Amino acid sequence: MTEEEKMILRALGEGFTYKEIAKKFAIPQYKITQARKDIIKKLSARNLPHAVYIAMRDGIIQY
């Protein structure tokens, strides 16, 4: 998983909206949407909350 994907996953897990993440990290919203899809696929997750759980469990992201 790329550092950008980790950053996006952490922000999504904290409850930020796509618009807020785009503004905070100065990236287009479509990149966040694509990153979410890629993250779920890479972690073999069923959905975004499951991806956050897996990433936290496996030490990929911390809060």
PDB file of N, CA and C in Angstrom:
ATOM      1  N   MET A   1       0.848  -1.168   0.000  1.00  0.00           N
ATOM      2  CA  MET A   1       0.000   0.000   0.000  1.00  0.00           C
ATOM      3  C   MET A   1       0.899   1.238   0.000  1.00  0.00           C
ATOM      4  N   THR A   2       0.540   2.213  -0.840  1.00  0.00           N
ATOM      5  CA  THR A   2       1.342   3.428  -0.937  1.00  0.00           C
ATOM      6  C   THR A   2       1.122   4.320   0.286  1.00  0.00           C
ATOM      7  N   GLU A   3       2.039   5.245   0.501  1.00  0.00           N
ATOM      8  CA  GLU A   3       1.900   6.187   1.613  1.00  0.00           C
ATOM      9  C   GLU A   3       0.653   7.048   1.443  1.00  0.00           C
ATOM     10  N   GLU A   4       0.348   7.421   0.188  1.00  0.00           N
ATOM     11  CA  GLU A   4      -0.856   8.222  -0.071  1.00  0.00           C
ATOM     12  C   GLU A   4      -2.113   7.436   0.297  1.00  0.00           C
ATOM     13  N   GLU A   5      -2.138   6.157  -0.038  1.00  0.00           N
ATOM     14  CA  GLU A   5      -3.288   5.320   0.312  1.00  0.00           C
ATOM     15  C   GLU A   5      -3.429   5.188   1.824  1.00  0.00           C
ATOM     16  N   LYS A   6      -2.321   5.043   2.517  1.00  0.00           N
ATOM     17  CA  LYS A   6      -2.357   4.969   3.982  1.00  0.00           C
ATOM     18  C   LYS A   6      -2.910   6.265   4.572  1.00  0.00           C
ATOM     19  N   MET A   7      -2.455   7.388   4.031  1.00  0.00           N
ATOM     20  CA  MET A   7      -2.897   8.694   4.499  1.00  0.00           C
ATOM     21  C   MET A   7      -4.411   8.847   4.286  1.00  0.00           C
ATOM     22  N   ILE A   8      -4.883   8.440   3.115  1.00  0.00           N
ATOM     23  CA  ILE A   8      -6.308   8.533   2.793  1.00  0.00           C
ATOM     24  C   ILE A   8      -7.115   7.595   3.680  1.00  0.00           C
ATOM     25  N   LEU A   9      -6.650   6.372   3.864  1.00  0.00           N
ATOM     26  CA  LEU A   9      -7.362   5.406   4.700  1.00  0.00           C
ATOM     27  C   LEU A   9      -7.457   5.901   6.137  1.00  0.00           C
ATOM     28  N   ARG A  10      -6.373   6.450   6.651  1.00  0.00           N
ATOM     29  CA  ARG A  10      -6.375   6.989   8.018  1.00  0.00           C
ATOM     30  C   ARG A  10      -7.410   8.111   8.137  1.00  0.00           C
ATOM     31  N   ALA A  11      -7.439   9.017   7.155  1.00  0.00           N
ATOM     32  CA  ALA A  11      -8.385  10.139   7.185  1.00  0.00           C
ATOM     33  C   ALA A  11      -9.832   9.644   7.060  1.00  0.00           C
ATOM     34  N   LEU A  12     -10.074   8.672   6.186  1.00  0.00           N
ATOM     35  CA  LEU A  12     -11.420   8.119   6.058  1.00  0.00           C
ATOM     36  C   LEU A  12     -11.847   7.445   7.355  1.00  0.00           C
ATOM     37  N   GLY A  13     -10.912   6.739   7.984  1.00  0.00           N
ATOM     38  CA  GLY A  13     -11.197   6.087   9.254  1.00  0.00           C
ATOM     39  C   GLY A  13     -11.510   7.064  10.364  1.00  0.00           C
ATOM     40  N   GLU A  14     -10.964   8.272  10.253  1.00  0.00           N
ATOM     41  CA  GLU A  14     -11.230   9.321  11.244  1.00  0.00           C
ATOM     42  C   GLU A  14     -12.530  10.049  10.954  1.00  0.00           C
ATOM     43  N   GLY A  15     -13.182   9.703   9.843  1.00  0.00           N
ATOM     44  CA  GLY A  15     -14.486  10.284   9.552  1.00  0.00           C
ATOM     45  C   GLY A  15     -14.486  11.493   8.633  1.00  0.00           C
ATOM     46  N   PHE A  16     -13.354  11.822   8.039  1.00  0.00           N
ATOM     47  CA  PHE A  16     -13.308  12.939   7.100  1.00  0.00           C
ATOM     48  C   PHE A  16     -14.059  12.581   5.819  1.00  0.00           C
ATOM     49  N   THR A  17     -14.678  13.568   5.200  1.00  0.00           N
ATOM     50  CA  THR A  17     -15.351  13.363   3.919  1.00  0.00           C
ATOM     51  C   THR A  17     -14.314  13.428   2.799  1.00  0.00           C
ATOM     52  N   TYR A  18     -14.716  12.963   1.615  1.00  0.00           N
ATOM     53  CA  TYR A  18     -13.812  13.035   0.463  1.00  0.00           C
ATOM     54  C   TYR A  18     -13.394  14.482   0.203  1.00  0.00           C
ATOM     55  N   LYS A  19     -14.359  15.388   0.301  1.00  0.00           N
ATOM     56  CA  LYS A  19     -14.086  16.802   0.052  1.00  0.00           C
ATOM     57  C   LYS A  19     -13.077  17.347   1.061  1.00  0.00           C
ATOM     58  N   GLU A  20     -13.237  16.989   2.324  1.00  0.00           N
ATOM     59  CA  GLU A  20     -12.314  17.451   3.367  1.00  0.00           C
ATOM     60  C   GLU A  20     -10.908  16.890   3.152  1.00  0.00           C
ATOM     61  N   ILE A  21     -10.836  15.631   2.764  1.00  0.00           N
ATOM     62  CA  ILE A  21      -9.530  15.011   2.514  1.00  0.00           C
ATOM     63  C   ILE A  21      -8.854  15.662   1.316  1.00  0.00           C
ATOM     64  N   ALA A  22      -9.628  15.905   0.264  1.00  0.00           N
ATOM     65  CA  ALA A  22      -9.088  16.550  -0.933  1.00  0.00           C
ATOM     66  C   ALA A  22      -8.495  17.909  -0.591  1.00  0.00           C
ATOM     67  N   LYS A  23      -9.205  18.663   0.210  1.00  0.00           N
ATOM     68  CA  LYS A  23      -8.725  19.990   0.593  1.00  0.00           C
ATOM     69  C   LYS A  23      -7.506  19.890   1.511  1.00  0.00           C
ATOM     70  N   LYS A  24      -7.574  19.001   2.488  1.00  0.00           N
ATOM     71  CA  LYS A  24      -6.494  18.852   3.476  1.00  0.00           C
ATOM     72  C   LYS A  24      -5.169  18.442   2.833  1.00  0.00           C
ATOM     73  N   PHE A  25      -5.225  17.528   1.865  1.00  0.00           N
ATOM     74  CA  PHE A  25      -4.010  17.000   1.256  1.00  0.00           C
ATOM     75  C   PHE A  25      -3.759  17.522  -0.158  1.00  0.00           C
ATOM     76  N   ALA A  26      -4.598  18.440  -0.617  1.00  0.00           N
ATOM     77  CA  ALA A  26      -4.461  19.065  -1.936  1.00  0.00           C
ATOM     78  C   ALA A  26      -4.393  18.021  -3.057  1.00  0.00           C
ATOM     79  N   ILE A  27      -5.375  17.107  -3.052  1.00  0.00           N
ATOM     80  CA  ILE A  27      -5.479  16.109  -4.111  1.00  0.00           C
ATOM     81  C   ILE A  27      -6.921  16.104  -4.622  1.00  0.00           C
ATOM     82  N   PRO A  28      -7.125  15.740  -5.889  1.00  0.00           N
ATOM     83  CA  PRO A  28      -8.490  15.730  -6.432  1.00  0.00           C
ATOM     84  C   PRO A  28      -9.346  14.632  -5.795  1.00  0.00           C
ATOM     85  N   GLN A  29     -10.638  14.884  -5.699  1.00  0.00           N
ATOM     86  CA  GLN A  29     -11.554  13.926  -5.077  1.00  0.00           C
ATOM     87  C   GLN A  29     -11.577  12.585  -5.798  1.00  0.00           C
ATOM     88  N   TYR A  30     -11.407  12.598  -7.112  1.00  0.00           N
ATOM     89  CA  TYR A  30     -11.446  11.326  -7.839  1.00  0.00           C
ATOM     90  C   TYR A  30     -10.310  10.399  -7.402  1.00  0.00           C
ATOM     91  N   LYS A  31      -9.163  10.985  -6.981  1.00  0.00           N
ATOM     92  CA  LYS A  31      -8.053  10.155  -6.506  1.00  0.00           C
ATOM     93  C   LYS A  31      -8.405   9.470  -5.192  1.00  0.00           C
ATOM     94  N   ILE A  32      -9.206  10.120  -4.387  1.00  0.00           N
ATOM     95  CA  ILE A  32      -9.631   9.526  -3.115  1.00  0.00           C
ATOM     96  C   ILE A  32     -10.573   8.361  -3.387  1.00  0.00           C
ATOM     97  N   THR A  33     -11.490   8.552  -4.317  1.00  0.00           N
ATOM     98  CA  THR A  33     -12.414   7.489  -4.687  1.00  0.00           C
ATOM     99  C   THR A  33     -11.647   6.284  -5.230  1.00  0.00           C
ATOM    100  N   GLN A  34     -10.694   6.536  -6.110  1.00  0.00           N
ATOM    101  CA  GLN A  34      -9.904   5.444  -6.688  1.00  0.00           C
ATOM    102  C   GLN A  34      -9.052   4.774  -5.616  1.00  0.00           C
ATOM    103  N   ALA A  35      -8.459   5.558  -4.732  1.00  0.00           N
ATOM    104  CA  ALA A  35      -7.634   5.001  -3.660  1.00  0.00           C
ATOM    105  C   ALA A  35      -8.467   4.106  -2.750  1.00  0.00           C
ATOM    106  N   ARG A  36      -9.693   4.525  -2.447  1.00  0.00           N
ATOM    107  CA  ARG A  36     -10.577   3.708  -1.604  1.00  0.00           C
ATOM    108  C   ARG A  36     -10.813   2.352  -2.234  1.00  0.00           C
ATOM    109  N   LYS A  37     -11.090   2.338  -3.521  1.00  0.00           N
ATOM    110  CA  LYS A  37     -11.304   1.074  -4.232  1.00  0.00           C
ATOM    111  C   LYS A  37     -10.044   0.210  -4.204  1.00  0.00           C
ATOM    112  N   ASP A  38      -8.902   0.831  -4.448  1.00  0.00           N
ATOM    113  CA  ASP A  38      -7.633   0.100  -4.450  1.00  0.00           C
ATOM    114  C   ASP A  38      -7.309  -0.465  -3.067  1.00  0.00           C
ATOM    115  N   ILE A  39      -7.559   0.324  -2.028  1.00  0.00           N
ATOM    116  CA  ILE A  39      -7.292  -0.110  -0.649  1.00  0.00           C
ATOM    117  C   ILE A  39      -8.132  -1.334  -0.308  1.00  0.00           C
ATOM    118  N   ILE A  40      -9.410  -1.260  -0.606  1.00  0.00           N
ATOM    119  CA  ILE A  40     -10.313  -2.380  -0.306  1.00  0.00           C
ATOM    120  C   ILE A  40      -9.846  -3.635  -1.033  1.00  0.00           C
ATOM    121  N   LYS A  41      -9.445  -3.484  -2.281  1.00  0.00           N
ATOM    122  CA  LYS A  41      -8.971  -4.627  -3.061  1.00  0.00           C
ATOM    123  C   LYS A  41      -7.663  -5.176  -2.493  1.00  0.00           C
ATOM    124  N   LYS A  42      -6.708  -4.292  -2.207  1.00  0.00           N
ATOM    125  CA  LYS A  42      -5.399  -4.731  -1.711  1.00  0.00           C
ATOM    126  C   LYS A  42      -5.505  -5.447  -0.368  1.00  0.00           C
ATOM    127  N   LEU A  43      -6.432  -5.027   0.469  1.00  0.00           N
ATOM    128  CA  LEU A  43      -6.576  -5.634   1.792  1.00  0.00           C
ATOM    129  C   LEU A  43      -7.577  -6.793   1.790  1.00  0.00           C
ATOM    130  N   SER A  44      -8.156  -7.079   0.636  1.00  0.00           N
ATOM    131  CA  SER A  44      -9.189  -8.123   0.511  1.00  0.00           C
ATOM    132  C   SER A  44     -10.324  -7.893   1.512  1.00  0.00           C
ATOM    133  N   ALA A  45     -10.713  -6.634   1.629  1.00  0.00           N
ATOM    134  CA  ALA A  45     -11.765  -6.239   2.565  1.00  0.00           C
ATOM    135  C   ALA A  45     -13.123  -6.262   1.867  1.00  0.00           C
ATOM    136  N   ARG A  46     -14.171  -6.365   2.658  1.00  0.00           N
ATOM    137  CA  ARG A  46     -15.531  -6.357   2.118  1.00  0.00           C
ATOM    138  C   ARG A  46     -16.038  -4.938   1.878  1.00  0.00           C
ATOM    139  N   ASN A  47     -15.551  -4.001   2.668  1.00  0.00           N
ATOM    140  CA  ASN A  47     -15.994  -2.609   2.571  1.00  0.00           C
ATOM    141  C   ASN A  47     -14.971  -1.724   3.283  1.00  0.00           C
ATOM    142  N   LEU A  48     -15.224  -0.429   3.324  1.00  0.00           N
ATOM    143  CA  LEU A  48     -14.257   0.498   3.917  1.00  0.00           C
ATOM    144  C   LEU A  48     -14.047   0.276   5.418  1.00  0.00           C
ATOM    145  N   PRO A  49     -15.102   0.117   6.220  1.00  0.00           N
ATOM    146  CA  PRO A  49     -14.859  -0.147   7.643  1.00  0.00           C
ATOM    147  C   PRO A  49     -14.027  -1.421   7.866  1.00  0.00           C
ATOM    148  N   HIS A  50     -14.266  -2.425   7.055  1.00  0.00           N
ATOM    149  CA  HIS A  50     -13.484  -3.656   7.164  1.00  0.00           C
ATOM    150  C   HIS A  50     -12.023  -3.390   6.795  1.00  0.00           C
ATOM    151  N   ALA A  51     -11.780  -2.547   5.800  1.00  0.00           N
ATOM    152  CA  ALA A  51     -10.414  -2.187   5.406  1.00  0.00           C
ATOM    153  C   ALA A  51      -9.698  -1.449   6.540  1.00  0.00           C
ATOM    154  N   VAL A  52     -10.402  -0.532   7.204  1.00  0.00           N
ATOM    155  CA  VAL A  52      -9.815   0.190   8.337  1.00  0.00           C
ATOM    156  C   VAL A  52      -9.459  -0.791   9.448  1.00  0.00           C
ATOM    157  N   TYR A  53     -10.370  -1.722   9.733  1.00  0.00           N
ATOM    158  CA  TYR A  53     -10.119  -2.735  10.764  1.00  0.00           C
ATOM    159  C   TYR A  53      -8.879  -3.570  10.429  1.00  0.00           C
ATOM    160  N   ILE A  54      -8.795  -4.055   9.195  1.00  0.00           N
ATOM    161  CA  ILE A  54      -7.657  -4.875   8.782  1.00  0.00           C
ATOM    162  C   ILE A  54      -6.359  -4.085   8.885  1.00  0.00           C
ATOM    163  N   ALA A  55      -6.384  -2.849   8.409  1.00  0.00           N
ATOM    164  CA  ALA A  55      -5.179  -2.017   8.431  1.00  0.00           C
ATOM    165  C   ALA A  55      -4.715  -1.752   9.863  1.00  0.00           C
ATOM    166  N   MET A  56      -5.643  -1.518  10.763  1.00  0.00           N
ATOM    167  CA  MET A  56      -5.280  -1.299  12.164  1.00  0.00           C
ATOM    168  C   MET A  56      -4.767  -2.594  12.795  1.00  0.00           C
ATOM    169  N   ARG A  57      -5.449  -3.681  12.546  1.00  0.00           N
ATOM    170  CA  ARG A  57      -5.057  -4.982  13.094  1.00  0.00           C
ATOM    171  C   ARG A  57      -3.651  -5.376  12.647  1.00  0.00           C
ATOM    172  N   ASP A  58      -3.355  -5.105  11.383  1.00  0.00           N
ATOM    173  CA  ASP A  58      -2.070  -5.509  10.816  1.00  0.00           C
ATOM    174  C   ASP A  58      -0.973  -4.452  10.988  1.00  0.00           C
ATOM    175  N   GLY A  59      -1.303  -3.350  11.657  1.00  0.00           N
ATOM    176  CA  GLY A  59      -0.294  -2.318  11.927  1.00  0.00           C
ATOM    177  C   GLY A  59       0.043  -1.441  10.738  1.00  0.00           C
ATOM    178  N   ILE A  60      -0.797  -1.444   9.725  1.00  0.00           N
ATOM    179  CA  ILE A  60      -0.558  -0.611   8.548  1.00  0.00           C
ATOM    180  C   ILE A  60      -0.810   0.850   8.877  1.00  0.00           C
ATOM    181  N   ILE A  61      -1.844   1.096   9.677  1.00  0.00           N
ATOM    182  CA  ILE A  61      -2.128   2.455  10.154  1.00  0.00           C
ATOM    183  C   ILE A  61      -2.319   2.412  11.661  1.00  0.00           C
ATOM    184  N   GLN A  62      -2.012   3.530  12.306  1.00  0.00           N
ATOM    185  CA  GLN A  62      -2.238   3.681  13.740  1.00  0.00           C
ATOM    186  C   GLN A  62      -2.912   5.025  13.990  1.00  0.00           C
ATOM    187  N   TYR A  63      -3.588   5.091  15.118  1.00  0.00           N
ATOM    188  CA  TYR A  63      -4.232   6.349  15.523  1.00  0.00           C
ATOM    189  C   TYR A  63      -3.630   6.818  16.810  1.00  0.00           C
TER     190      TYR A  63
END
